[in-house]
């Protein structure tokens, strides 16, 4: 099940997608697809595109050559995941 919402503020515009029953494995597989699609630069303030990977939580954040920033993450305990895509205005 997915729920989608858009946002538009002074600095960014984009979309958030909330997913239920999204496993760490599903999230990692999607992150691999994002890297293959060119999302390879860590977000501001991070040294790696993998932000967290502790077995029950996984998060990935990267920018592509066009400046689009994508994050994906999941929390096994809460059985919820998310995808966020934002573009700087």
C-alpha atoms as a PDB file:
ATOM      1  CA  UNK A   1       0.000   0.000   0.000  1.00  0.00           C
ATOM      2  CA  UNK A   2       1.366   3.415  -0.907  1.00  0.00           C
ATOM      3  CA  UNK A   3       0.236   6.892   0.037  1.00  0.00           C
ATOM      4  CA  UNK A   4       1.487   9.857  -1.953  1.00  0.00           C
ATOM      5  CA  UNK A   5       1.698  13.525  -1.006  1.00  0.00           C
ATOM      6  CA  UNK A   6       3.365  16.463  -2.704  1.00  0.00           C
ATOM      7  CA  UNK A   7       5.067  19.446  -1.154  1.00  0.00           C
ATOM      8  CA  UNK A   8       6.069  22.867  -2.383  1.00  0.00           C
ATOM      9  CA  UNK A   9       7.817  25.329  -0.099  1.00  0.00           C
ATOM     10  CA  UNK A  10      10.184  28.264  -0.439  1.00  0.00           C
ATOM     11  CA  UNK A  11      13.234  26.052  -1.042  1.00  0.00           C
ATOM     12  CA  UNK A  12      12.051  22.739  -2.513  1.00  0.00           C
ATOM     13  CA  UNK A  13       9.247  21.052  -4.353  1.00  0.00           C
ATOM     14  CA  UNK A  14       8.687  17.357  -4.570  1.00  0.00           C
ATOM     15  CA  UNK A  15       6.780  14.275  -3.573  1.00  0.00           C
ATOM     16  CA  UNK A  16       6.712  11.902  -0.596  1.00  0.00           C
ATOM     17  CA  UNK A  17       5.517   8.312  -0.867  1.00  0.00           C
ATOM     18  CA  UNK A  18       4.787   6.303   2.279  1.00  0.00           C
ATOM     19  CA  UNK A  19       4.882   2.514   1.926  1.00  0.00           C
ATOM     20  CA  UNK A  20       3.641  -0.180   4.276  1.00  0.00           C
ATOM     21  CA  UNK A  21       5.210  -3.625   4.662  1.00  0.00           C
ATOM     22  CA  UNK A  22       8.355  -2.557   2.798  1.00  0.00           C
ATOM     23  CA  UNK A  23      11.285  -4.708   3.905  1.00  0.00           C
ATOM     24  CA  UNK A  24      14.899  -3.684   4.308  1.00  0.00           C
ATOM     25  CA  UNK A  25      15.689  -5.966   1.358  1.00  0.00           C
ATOM     26  CA  UNK A  26      13.069  -4.209  -0.806  1.00  0.00           C
ATOM     27  CA  UNK A  27      14.455  -0.824   0.190  1.00  0.00           C
ATOM     28  CA  UNK A  28      18.056  -1.837  -0.544  1.00  0.00           C
ATOM     29  CA  UNK A  29      17.030  -3.228  -3.939  1.00  0.00           C
ATOM     30  CA  UNK A  30      15.309   0.061  -4.787  1.00  0.00           C
ATOM     31  CA  UNK A  31      18.398   2.004  -3.651  1.00  0.00           C
ATOM     32  CA  UNK A  32      20.500  -0.139  -6.021  1.00  0.00           C
ATOM     33  CA  UNK A  33      18.140   0.781  -8.874  1.00  0.00           C
ATOM     34  CA  UNK A  34      18.480   4.458  -7.967  1.00  0.00           C
ATOM     35  CA  UNK A  35      22.285   4.200  -8.039  1.00  0.00           C
ATOM     36  CA  UNK A  36      22.115   2.509 -11.446  1.00  0.00           C
ATOM     37  CA  UNK A  37      19.906   5.403 -12.603  1.00  0.00           C
ATOM     38  CA  UNK A  38      22.587   7.954 -11.617  1.00  0.00           C
ATOM     39  CA  UNK A  39      21.769   8.826  -7.999  1.00  0.00           C
ATOM     40  CA  UNK A  40      25.326   8.447  -6.750  1.00  0.00           C
ATOM     41  CA  UNK A  41      26.322  11.644  -4.928  1.00  0.00           C
ATOM     42  CA  UNK A  42      25.731  11.741  -1.141  1.00  0.00           C
ATOM     43  CA  UNK A  43      23.383  14.393   0.161  1.00  0.00           C
ATOM     44  CA  UNK A  44      24.718  17.530   1.823  1.00  0.00           C
ATOM     45  CA  UNK A  45      26.470  16.729   5.077  1.00  0.00           C
ATOM     46  CA  UNK A  46      26.849  12.996   4.397  1.00  0.00           C
ATOM     47  CA  UNK A  47      29.916  10.990   3.380  1.00  0.00           C
ATOM     48  CA  UNK A  48      27.986   8.082   1.881  1.00  0.00           C
ATOM     49  CA  UNK A  49      24.718   7.494   0.039  1.00  0.00           C
ATOM     50  CA  UNK A  50      23.877   4.869   2.691  1.00  0.00           C
ATOM     51  CA  UNK A  51      22.822   6.981   5.639  1.00  0.00           C
ATOM     52  CA  UNK A  52      21.842   4.158   7.994  1.00  0.00           C
ATOM     53  CA  UNK A  53      22.051   0.369   7.853  1.00  0.00           C
ATOM     54  CA  UNK A  54      21.686  -1.332  11.213  1.00  0.00           C
ATOM     55  CA  UNK A  55      19.572  -4.380  10.353  1.00  0.00           C
ATOM     56  CA  UNK A  56      16.207  -2.933  11.333  1.00  0.00           C
ATOM     57  CA  UNK A  57      16.546   0.503   9.741  1.00  0.00           C
ATOM     58  CA  UNK A  58      17.931   1.340   6.321  1.00  0.00           C
ATOM     59  CA  UNK A  59      18.107   4.722   4.641  1.00  0.00           C
ATOM     60  CA  UNK A  60      19.684   5.976   1.447  1.00  0.00           C
ATOM     61  CA  UNK A  61      20.007   9.539   0.177  1.00  0.00           C
ATOM     62  CA  UNK A  62      21.609  10.704  -3.060  1.00  0.00           C
ATOM     63  CA  UNK A  63      21.605  13.393  -5.714  1.00  0.00           C
ATOM     64  CA  UNK A  64      21.827  12.899  -9.467  1.00  0.00           C
ATOM     65  CA  UNK A  65      23.596  15.099 -12.052  1.00  0.00           C
ATOM     66  CA  UNK A  66      20.438  17.222 -12.467  1.00  0.00           C
ATOM     67  CA  UNK A  67      20.371  18.084  -8.760  1.00  0.00           C
ATOM     68  CA  UNK A  68      17.350  15.927  -7.920  1.00  0.00           C
ATOM     69  CA  UNK A  69      17.671  14.532  -4.383  1.00  0.00           C
ATOM     70  CA  UNK A  70      16.072  11.201  -3.499  1.00  0.00           C
ATOM     71  CA  UNK A  71      15.797   9.474  -0.151  1.00  0.00           C
ATOM     72  CA  UNK A  72      14.457   6.012   0.576  1.00  0.00           C
ATOM     73  CA  UNK A  73      14.209   4.364   3.922  1.00  0.00           C
ATOM     74  CA  UNK A  74      12.449   1.719   5.944  1.00  0.00           C
ATOM     75  CA  UNK A  75      11.886   0.802   9.560  1.00  0.00           C
ATOM     76  CA  UNK A  76      11.195  -2.897  10.114  1.00  0.00           C
ATOM     77  CA  UNK A  77       9.802  -2.434  13.622  1.00  0.00           C
ATOM     78  CA  UNK A  78       7.240   0.125  12.466  1.00  0.00           C
ATOM     79  CA  UNK A  79       6.621  -1.789   9.178  1.00  0.00           C
ATOM     80  CA  UNK A  80       6.787   1.429   7.214  1.00  0.00           C
ATOM     81  CA  UNK A  81       9.004   2.866   4.516  1.00  0.00           C
ATOM     82  CA  UNK A  82       9.250   5.977   2.449  1.00  0.00           C
ATOM     83  CA  UNK A  83      10.500   7.546  -0.740  1.00  0.00           C
ATOM     84  CA  UNK A  84      11.045  11.287  -1.038  1.00  0.00           C
ATOM     85  CA  UNK A  85      12.027  13.131  -4.205  1.00  0.00           C
ATOM     86  CA  UNK A  86      12.885  16.806  -4.015  1.00  0.00           C
ATOM     87  CA  UNK A  87      14.072  19.440  -6.430  1.00  0.00           C
ATOM     88  CA  UNK A  88      15.704  22.676  -5.297  1.00  0.00           C
ATOM     89  CA  UNK A  89      13.900  25.743  -6.560  1.00  0.00           C
END
